[in-house]
């Protein structure tokens, strides 16, 4: 891939067309075809993608947007940026994605309180697993709620034969380097079948332009994808399927060799293919286990150490943290996973985790 990448980047540099060049249009067409929707509109980041989706769907002051309590800050941040109010919803015990049962309960509470207008749901495809769109799509439609798929961690995943980023009214993704399809900096994209929304997104990402960039028909922002990033993504997209096949093998090796008695393993429903943005397990006395892994030279990460409702930025909302989400913040531990991880390296991680588990005095079953 290195030679392909160097050639692609050099072509852009030789063209001197660094913003919205031909590679951007080609990337958008290829991404739309891959996902299976009519339109892909690229932008500068996954956070911008969420903001642009909310702006396009006319979500704003006085509106309530339901978001999972256990995810990255940007999901709720974008809601606040358009002037709406995030309502934090608990997540499923095993998939860690938004709980449909708690969503319905929070929706009823907001309607009864009549302080905000229930307007939209943002469902996150956490750690590479899609949210439960088989339940979410018909329910949101029946209640007149807009549905946004936050597929920042889910690109390449599938549910019921459909690719991630094909669900909801508008879907978003991120090309941050750590994502399943990552570039060499920040980048993002939106997906929709709605022609009018696609047109609005293209206007908003370039200062609200009309016929040209000096015809500003609305207030927008500067959120264009660099041509260099698009060129890099085109190369990576060509290798995405083969790389994800290898990642599936890495995840399967973890699943086969880790003991479910001491480690809570990821749960993948039968009709789902995970993109494995993270391989996240649950362990008791997580911090002690992580220290033991570090001593053995095995890297790990914690996504996330606090819920969104516990973030100081949202303290004024005075919403109670969600129980399952809070429990996950003290138990989740993400292990190394990528397409260049060898079997020997996976086995090293497994042995280190087993040793760390054996030294852990608390043997309770996680997720039971």
Protein backbone atom coordinates (compact mmCIF):
# COMPACT_ATOMS: atom_id res chain seq x y z
CA UNK A 1 0.00 0.00 0.00
CA UNK A 2 2.93 2.35 0.67
CA UNK A 3 3.80 2.74 -3.02
CA UNK A 4 0.14 3.32 -3.95
CA UNK A 5 -0.18 5.91 -1.21
CA UNK A 6 2.96 7.80 -2.19
CA UNK A 7 1.84 7.95 -5.83
CA UNK A 8 -1.64 9.16 -4.88
CA UNK A 9 -0.34 11.92 -2.61
CA UNK A 10 2.29 13.04 -5.12
CA UNK A 11 -0.39 13.37 -7.82
CA UNK A 12 -2.32 15.76 -5.59
CA UNK A 13 0.79 17.78 -4.74
CA UNK A 14 1.72 18.03 -8.43
CA UNK A 15 -1.82 19.23 -9.24
CA UNK A 16 -1.68 22.02 -6.62
CA UNK A 17 -5.43 21.45 -6.11
CA UNK A 18 -5.45 20.91 -2.35
CA UNK A 19 -9.04 21.78 -1.46
CA UNK A 20 -12.06 19.93 -2.94
CA UNK A 21 -10.02 18.47 -5.80
CA UNK A 22 -11.04 15.64 -8.12
CA UNK A 23 -10.12 13.02 -5.48
CA UNK A 24 -12.85 14.39 -3.20
CA UNK A 25 -15.60 13.88 -5.77
CA UNK A 26 -14.27 10.42 -6.63
CA UNK A 27 -14.12 9.45 -2.96
CA UNK A 28 -17.70 10.60 -2.34
CA UNK A 29 -18.95 8.56 -5.28
CA UNK A 30 -17.09 5.44 -4.18
CA UNK A 31 -18.20 5.77 -0.56
CA UNK A 32 -21.85 6.20 -1.56
CA UNK A 33 -21.59 3.10 -3.74
CA UNK A 34 -19.91 1.10 -0.97
CA UNK A 35 -22.50 2.04 1.65
CA UNK A 36 -25.43 1.72 -0.74
CA UNK A 37 -26.96 5.23 -0.62
CA UNK A 38 -27.55 7.96 -3.19
CA UNK A 39 -25.34 10.65 -1.67
CA UNK A 40 -22.09 10.97 0.26
CA UNK A 41 -20.98 14.45 1.31
CA UNK A 42 -17.49 14.71 2.78
CA UNK A 43 -16.46 17.24 5.42
CA UNK A 44 -13.60 18.16 7.73
CA UNK A 45 -14.31 15.84 10.68
CA UNK A 46 -16.76 13.42 12.25
CA UNK A 47 -17.82 16.11 14.72
CA UNK A 48 -18.59 18.49 11.87
CA UNK A 49 -20.57 15.71 10.20
CA UNK A 50 -22.85 15.42 13.24
CA UNK A 51 -23.26 19.20 13.43
CA UNK A 52 -24.04 19.44 9.71
CA UNK A 53 -26.60 16.63 9.98
CA UNK A 54 -28.40 18.38 12.83
CA UNK A 55 -28.34 21.72 11.00
CA UNK A 56 -29.71 20.12 7.84
CA UNK A 57 -32.52 18.43 9.77
CA UNK A 58 -33.35 21.80 11.39
CA UNK A 59 -32.71 20.66 14.95
CA UNK A 60 -32.20 23.58 17.30
CA UNK A 61 -33.35 25.59 20.30
CA UNK A 62 -36.11 23.92 22.29
CA UNK A 63 -35.53 20.50 20.77
CA UNK A 64 -34.51 17.35 22.66
CA UNK A 65 -32.09 14.92 21.02
CA UNK A 66 -31.68 11.48 22.57
CA UNK A 67 -28.08 10.24 22.72
CA UNK A 68 -26.40 7.26 24.43
CA UNK A 69 -24.77 8.10 27.74
CA UNK A 70 -21.78 5.88 26.97
CA UNK A 71 -19.90 7.23 23.96
CA UNK A 72 -17.45 9.92 22.86
CA UNK A 73 -18.20 13.52 23.80
CA UNK A 74 -18.73 14.75 20.22
CA UNK A 75 -22.08 12.98 19.88
CA UNK A 76 -23.70 15.20 22.51
CA UNK A 77 -21.43 18.17 21.83
CA UNK A 78 -22.87 18.57 18.34
CA UNK A 79 -26.38 18.66 19.84
CA UNK A 80 -25.39 21.50 22.16
CA UNK A 81 -23.67 23.36 19.32
CA UNK A 82 -26.95 23.69 17.40
CA UNK A 83 -28.72 24.91 20.56
CA UNK A 84 -30.66 21.73 21.27
CA UNK A 85 -30.61 19.73 24.51
CA UNK A 86 -29.09 16.24 24.71
CA UNK A 87 -31.11 13.68 26.69
CA UNK A 88 -28.87 10.87 27.90
CA UNK A 89 -30.09 7.31 27.37
CA UNK A 90 -28.68 4.16 28.93
CA UNK A 91 -27.00 1.50 26.81
CA UNK A 92 -27.49 -2.23 26.34
CA UNK A 93 -25.65 -4.43 28.83
CA UNK A 94 -23.92 -6.51 26.15
CA UNK A 95 -23.65 -4.45 22.94
CA UNK A 96 -23.01 -1.12 24.74
CA UNK A 97 -25.17 0.62 22.14
CA UNK A 98 -28.25 2.71 22.90
CA UNK A 99 -30.93 0.79 24.80
CA UNK A 100 -34.22 0.91 22.93
CA UNK A 101 -36.13 0.18 26.14
CA UNK A 102 -34.55 3.10 28.00
CA UNK A 103 -34.93 5.31 24.92
CA UNK A 104 -38.68 4.74 24.95
CA UNK A 105 -38.81 5.54 28.67
CA UNK A 106 -36.79 8.75 28.27
CA UNK A 107 -38.94 9.77 25.30
CA UNK A 108 -42.11 9.35 27.39
CA UNK A 109 -40.57 11.40 30.20
CA UNK A 110 -39.63 14.26 27.89
CA UNK A 111 -43.09 14.31 26.35
CA UNK A 112 -44.76 14.36 29.77
CA UNK A 113 -42.50 17.14 31.08
CA UNK A 114 -43.29 19.22 27.96
CA UNK A 115 -40.16 21.36 28.46
CA UNK A 116 -38.57 20.33 25.16
CA UNK A 117 -39.84 18.99 21.85
CA UNK A 118 -38.57 15.45 21.17
CA UNK A 119 -36.92 15.85 17.76
CA UNK A 120 -34.22 13.29 17.02
CA UNK A 121 -32.21 10.27 18.10
CA UNK A 122 -28.48 9.86 17.50
CA UNK A 123 -27.56 6.17 17.65
CA UNK A 124 -23.85 5.35 17.88
CA UNK A 125 -22.21 2.28 16.33
CA UNK A 126 -19.89 1.80 19.28
CA UNK A 127 -16.62 -0.14 18.97
CA UNK A 128 -17.62 -1.27 15.46
CA UNK A 129 -21.02 -2.81 16.25
CA UNK A 130 -24.07 -1.20 14.68
CA UNK A 131 -26.90 -0.06 16.91
CA UNK A 132 -30.19 -1.98 16.83
CA UNK A 133 -31.63 -0.28 13.75
CA UNK A 134 -34.13 -3.09 13.20
CA UNK A 135 -35.89 -1.67 16.26
CA UNK A 136 -34.80 1.96 16.04
CA UNK A 137 -35.86 2.76 12.49
CA UNK A 138 -39.53 1.68 12.72
CA UNK A 139 -39.96 3.10 16.23
CA UNK A 140 -38.48 6.51 15.35
CA UNK A 141 -40.66 6.61 12.24
CA UNK A 142 -43.79 5.78 14.25
CA UNK A 143 -43.06 8.56 16.75
CA UNK A 144 -42.07 11.16 14.15
CA UNK A 145 -38.47 11.29 15.38
CA UNK A 146 -35.52 11.89 13.09
CA UNK A 147 -32.79 9.26 13.28
CA UNK A 148 -29.09 9.99 12.81
CA UNK A 149 -26.59 7.15 12.65
CA UNK A 150 -23.25 8.08 14.22
CA UNK A 151 -21.11 5.57 12.35
CA UNK A 152 -17.74 7.04 13.36
CA UNK A 153 -16.64 3.66 14.74
CA UNK A 154 -18.84 1.50 12.55
CA UNK A 155 -17.73 2.05 8.95
CA UNK A 156 -17.42 -1.35 7.30
CA UNK A 157 -19.81 -3.07 9.72
CA UNK A 158 -23.02 -4.73 8.52
CA UNK A 159 -26.46 -5.43 9.96
CA UNK A 160 -28.96 -7.65 8.19
CA UNK A 161 -27.01 -7.40 4.95
CA UNK A 162 -26.87 -3.58 5.03
CA UNK A 163 -23.68 -1.60 5.48
CA UNK A 164 -23.22 0.76 8.40
CA UNK A 165 -23.89 4.40 7.43
CA UNK A 166 -26.96 3.36 5.42
CA UNK A 167 -29.34 3.63 8.38
CA UNK A 168 -31.52 6.47 9.61
CA UNK A 169 -32.34 9.74 7.87
CA UNK A 170 -28.72 10.87 7.72
CA UNK A 171 -25.65 8.86 8.73
CA UNK A 172 -22.25 10.24 9.64
CA UNK A 173 -18.76 8.86 9.96
CA UNK A 174 -15.25 9.93 10.90
CA UNK A 175 -11.94 9.36 9.13
CA UNK A 176 -9.84 10.06 12.22
CA UNK A 177 -6.69 7.88 11.91
CA UNK A 178 -7.84 5.36 14.55
CA UNK A 179 -11.15 4.66 12.81
CA UNK A 180 -11.83 1.58 10.60
CA UNK A 181 -11.28 3.78 7.53
CA UNK A 182 -8.82 6.42 8.67
CA UNK A 183 -6.94 9.19 6.89
CA UNK A 184 -3.77 11.11 7.82
CA UNK A 185 -5.58 13.69 9.93
CA UNK A 186 -9.19 14.72 10.46
CA UNK A 187 -11.99 14.04 8.02
CA UNK A 188 -15.62 13.00 7.96
CA UNK A 189 -18.60 12.27 5.74
CA UNK A 190 -22.39 12.16 5.69
CA UNK A 191 -24.69 9.73 3.88
CA UNK A 192 -28.31 10.13 2.82
CA UNK A 193 -30.81 9.15 0.14
CA UNK A 194 -32.53 12.54 0.34
CA UNK A 195 -31.59 14.84 -2.56
CA UNK A 196 -32.60 18.05 -0.79
CA UNK A 197 -30.64 17.22 2.36
CA UNK A 198 -27.56 16.36 0.29
CA UNK A 199 -27.82 19.74 -1.43
CA UNK A 200 -28.13 21.49 1.93
CA UNK A 201 -25.10 19.64 3.32
CA UNK A 202 -22.99 20.68 0.33
CA UNK A 203 -24.01 24.28 0.90
CA UNK A 204 -23.43 24.31 4.66
CA UNK A 205 -19.94 22.79 4.47
CA UNK A 206 -18.74 25.72 2.34
CA UNK A 207 -19.95 28.79 4.23
CA UNK A 208 -23.57 28.32 3.18
CA UNK A 209 -22.79 28.83 -0.50
CA UNK A 210 -25.42 29.08 -3.22
CA UNK A 211 -24.48 29.14 -6.91
CA UNK A 212 -20.80 29.71 -6.04
CA UNK A 213 -18.60 30.38 -3.03
CA UNK A 214 -19.29 34.13 -3.19
CA UNK A 215 -23.05 33.58 -3.18
CA UNK A 216 -23.78 32.93 0.50
CA UNK A 217 -27.44 32.06 0.97
CA UNK A 218 -27.21 30.84 4.60
CA UNK A 219 -24.83 30.76 7.53
CA UNK A 220 -22.55 27.74 7.19
CA UNK A 221 -19.00 26.86 8.14
CA UNK A 222 -15.68 25.90 6.62
CA UNK A 223 -15.77 22.11 6.64
CA UNK A 224 -14.20 20.92 3.40
CA UNK A 225 -12.20 17.70 3.10
CA UNK A 226 -8.60 18.22 1.97
CA UNK A 227 -7.78 16.64 -1.38
CA UNK A 228 -4.71 14.95 0.15
CA UNK A 229 -6.92 13.22 2.71
CA UNK A 230 -9.35 12.13 0.00
CA UNK A 231 -6.50 10.68 -2.04
CA UNK A 232 -5.25 8.74 0.97
CA UNK A 233 -8.75 7.46 1.72
CA UNK A 234 -9.23 6.25 -1.86
CA UNK A 235 -6.15 4.05 -1.47
CA UNK A 236 -7.26 2.77 1.91
CA UNK A 237 -10.80 2.11 0.67
CA UNK A 238 -9.42 -0.24 -1.98
CA UNK A 239 -7.81 -2.31 0.78
CA UNK A 240 -10.61 -2.02 3.35
CA UNK A 241 -12.32 -5.36 2.64
CA UNK A 242 -9.12 -7.39 2.76
CA UNK A 243 -7.93 -5.64 5.91
CA UNK A 244 -11.25 -6.20 7.64
CA UNK A 245 -11.13 -9.89 6.80
CA UNK A 246 -7.85 -10.08 8.70
CA UNK A 247 -9.29 -8.06 11.60
CA UNK A 248 -12.16 -10.57 11.80
CA UNK A 249 -9.57 -13.33 12.19
CA UNK A 250 -7.78 -11.39 14.94
CA UNK A 251 -11.06 -10.90 16.80
CA UNK A 252 -11.95 -14.59 16.38
CA UNK A 253 -8.60 -15.59 17.87
CA UNK A 254 -9.28 -13.39 20.88
CA UNK A 255 -12.77 -14.87 21.23
CA UNK A 256 -11.43 -18.43 21.05
CA UNK A 257 -8.53 -18.03 23.47
CA UNK A 258 -9.90 -15.69 26.14
CA UNK A 259 -11.90 -17.19 28.97
CA UNK A 260 -15.42 -15.84 29.25
CA UNK A 261 -15.45 -16.80 32.94
CA UNK A 262 -13.07 -14.02 33.97
CA UNK A 263 -13.42 -11.67 30.99
CA UNK A 264 -16.61 -10.25 29.53
CA UNK A 265 -16.17 -10.87 25.80
CA UNK A 266 -17.75 -8.74 23.05
CA UNK A 267 -21.19 -9.95 21.97
CA UNK A 268 -21.92 -9.89 18.22
CA UNK A 269 -25.53 -10.72 17.19
CA UNK A 270 -25.93 -13.34 14.44
CA UNK A 271 -27.13 -10.85 11.83
CA UNK A 272 -24.25 -8.43 12.45
CA UNK A 273 -20.67 -8.12 11.21
CA UNK A 274 -18.58 -5.88 13.44
CA UNK A 275 -15.99 -3.47 12.03
CA UNK A 276 -13.94 -4.05 15.21
CA UNK A 277 -12.93 -0.43 15.67
CA UNK A 278 -12.00 -1.60 19.17
CA UNK A 279 -11.80 -5.04 20.77
CA UNK A 280 -13.27 -4.17 24.15
CA UNK A 281 -13.61 -6.62 27.03
CA UNK A 282 -14.94 -6.16 30.55
CA UNK A 283 -12.92 -7.06 33.62
CA UNK A 284 -13.37 -6.57 37.32
CA UNK A 285 -10.75 -4.40 39.05
CA UNK A 286 -9.99 -3.00 35.60
CA UNK A 287 -7.30 -0.55 36.65
CA UNK A 288 -5.31 -3.26 38.39
CA UNK A 289 -5.55 -5.49 35.32
CA UNK A 290 -4.47 -2.65 33.06
CA UNK A 291 -1.41 -1.98 35.21
CA UNK A 292 -0.46 -5.65 34.97
CA UNK A 293 -0.79 -5.53 31.18
CA UNK A 294 1.40 -2.43 31.03
CA UNK A 295 4.08 -4.16 33.09
CA UNK A 296 3.98 -7.02 30.56
CA UNK A 297 4.45 -4.55 27.70
CA UNK A 298 0.89 -4.90 26.40
CA UNK A 299 -0.86 -1.62 25.50
CA UNK A 300 -4.52 -1.08 26.34
CA UNK A 301 -6.99 1.79 26.43
CA UNK A 302 -10.14 2.81 28.29
CA UNK A 303 -13.12 4.02 26.25
CA UNK A 304 -14.66 5.75 28.25
CA UNK A 305 -13.71 6.67 31.84
CA UNK A 306 -16.90 8.67 32.45
CA UNK A 307 -20.35 8.91 30.94
CA UNK A 308 -21.55 11.95 28.99
CA UNK A 309 -23.93 12.88 31.79
CA UNK A 310 -20.93 12.96 34.15
CA UNK A 311 -18.97 15.39 31.98
CA UNK A 312 -18.53 18.83 33.60
CA UNK A 313 -19.68 20.49 30.37
CA UNK A 314 -23.16 18.98 30.87
CA UNK A 315 -23.41 19.46 34.64
CA UNK A 316 -25.99 22.23 34.24
CA UNK A 317 -28.42 19.76 32.67
CA UNK A 318 -28.61 17.88 36.00
CA UNK A 319 -29.45 14.57 34.35
CA UNK A 320 -28.87 11.41 36.33
CA UNK A 321 -26.08 9.18 34.99
CA UNK A 322 -27.39 5.95 33.47
CA UNK A 323 -26.72 2.84 35.54
CA UNK A 324 -25.32 0.48 32.91
CA UNK A 325 -23.24 3.23 31.34
CA UNK A 326 -21.70 4.08 34.72
CA UNK A 327 -20.87 0.43 35.37
CA UNK A 328 -19.14 0.13 32.00
CA UNK A 329 -16.85 3.07 32.76
CA UNK A 330 -15.15 1.02 35.49
CA UNK A 331 -15.01 -2.30 33.61
CA UNK A 332 -14.25 -1.75 29.90
CA UNK A 333 -10.75 -2.35 28.58
CA UNK A 334 -9.77 -2.20 24.90
CA UNK A 335 -7.05 -4.54 23.65
CA UNK A 336 -4.84 -4.12 20.56
CA UNK A 337 -6.58 -4.95 17.28
CA UNK A 338 -5.58 -4.11 13.71
CA UNK A 339 -4.99 -5.99 10.45
CA UNK A 340 -1.22 -6.24 11.00
CA UNK A 341 -1.41 -7.93 14.41
CA UNK A 342 0.16 -11.39 14.18
CA UNK A 343 -1.14 -14.58 15.84
CA UNK A 344 1.91 -14.55 18.10
CA UNK A 345 1.16 -11.00 19.23
CA UNK A 346 -2.47 -11.90 19.90
CA UNK A 347 -1.32 -14.87 21.96
CA UNK A 348 1.02 -12.60 23.91
CA UNK A 349 -1.89 -10.32 24.78
CA UNK A 350 -4.04 -13.30 25.78
CA UNK A 351 -1.34 -14.73 28.07
CA UNK A 352 -0.73 -11.35 29.69
CA UNK A 353 -4.45 -10.89 30.30
CA UNK A 354 -4.72 -14.40 31.77
CA UNK A 355 -1.83 -13.71 34.15
CA UNK A 356 -3.37 -10.39 35.12
CA UNK A 357 -6.70 -12.14 35.71
CA UNK A 358 -5.12 -14.85 37.84
CA UNK A 359 -3.67 -12.17 40.12
CA UNK A 360 -7.06 -10.49 40.39
CA UNK A 361 -8.70 -11.42 43.66
CA UNK A 362 -12.23 -10.52 42.46
CA UNK A 363 -13.46 -13.39 40.25
CA UNK A 364 -17.03 -12.27 39.70
CA UNK A 365 -18.48 -12.87 36.24
CA UNK A 366 -18.64 -9.67 34.24
CA UNK A 367 -21.87 -8.67 32.53
CA UNK A 368 -24.03 -11.23 34.31
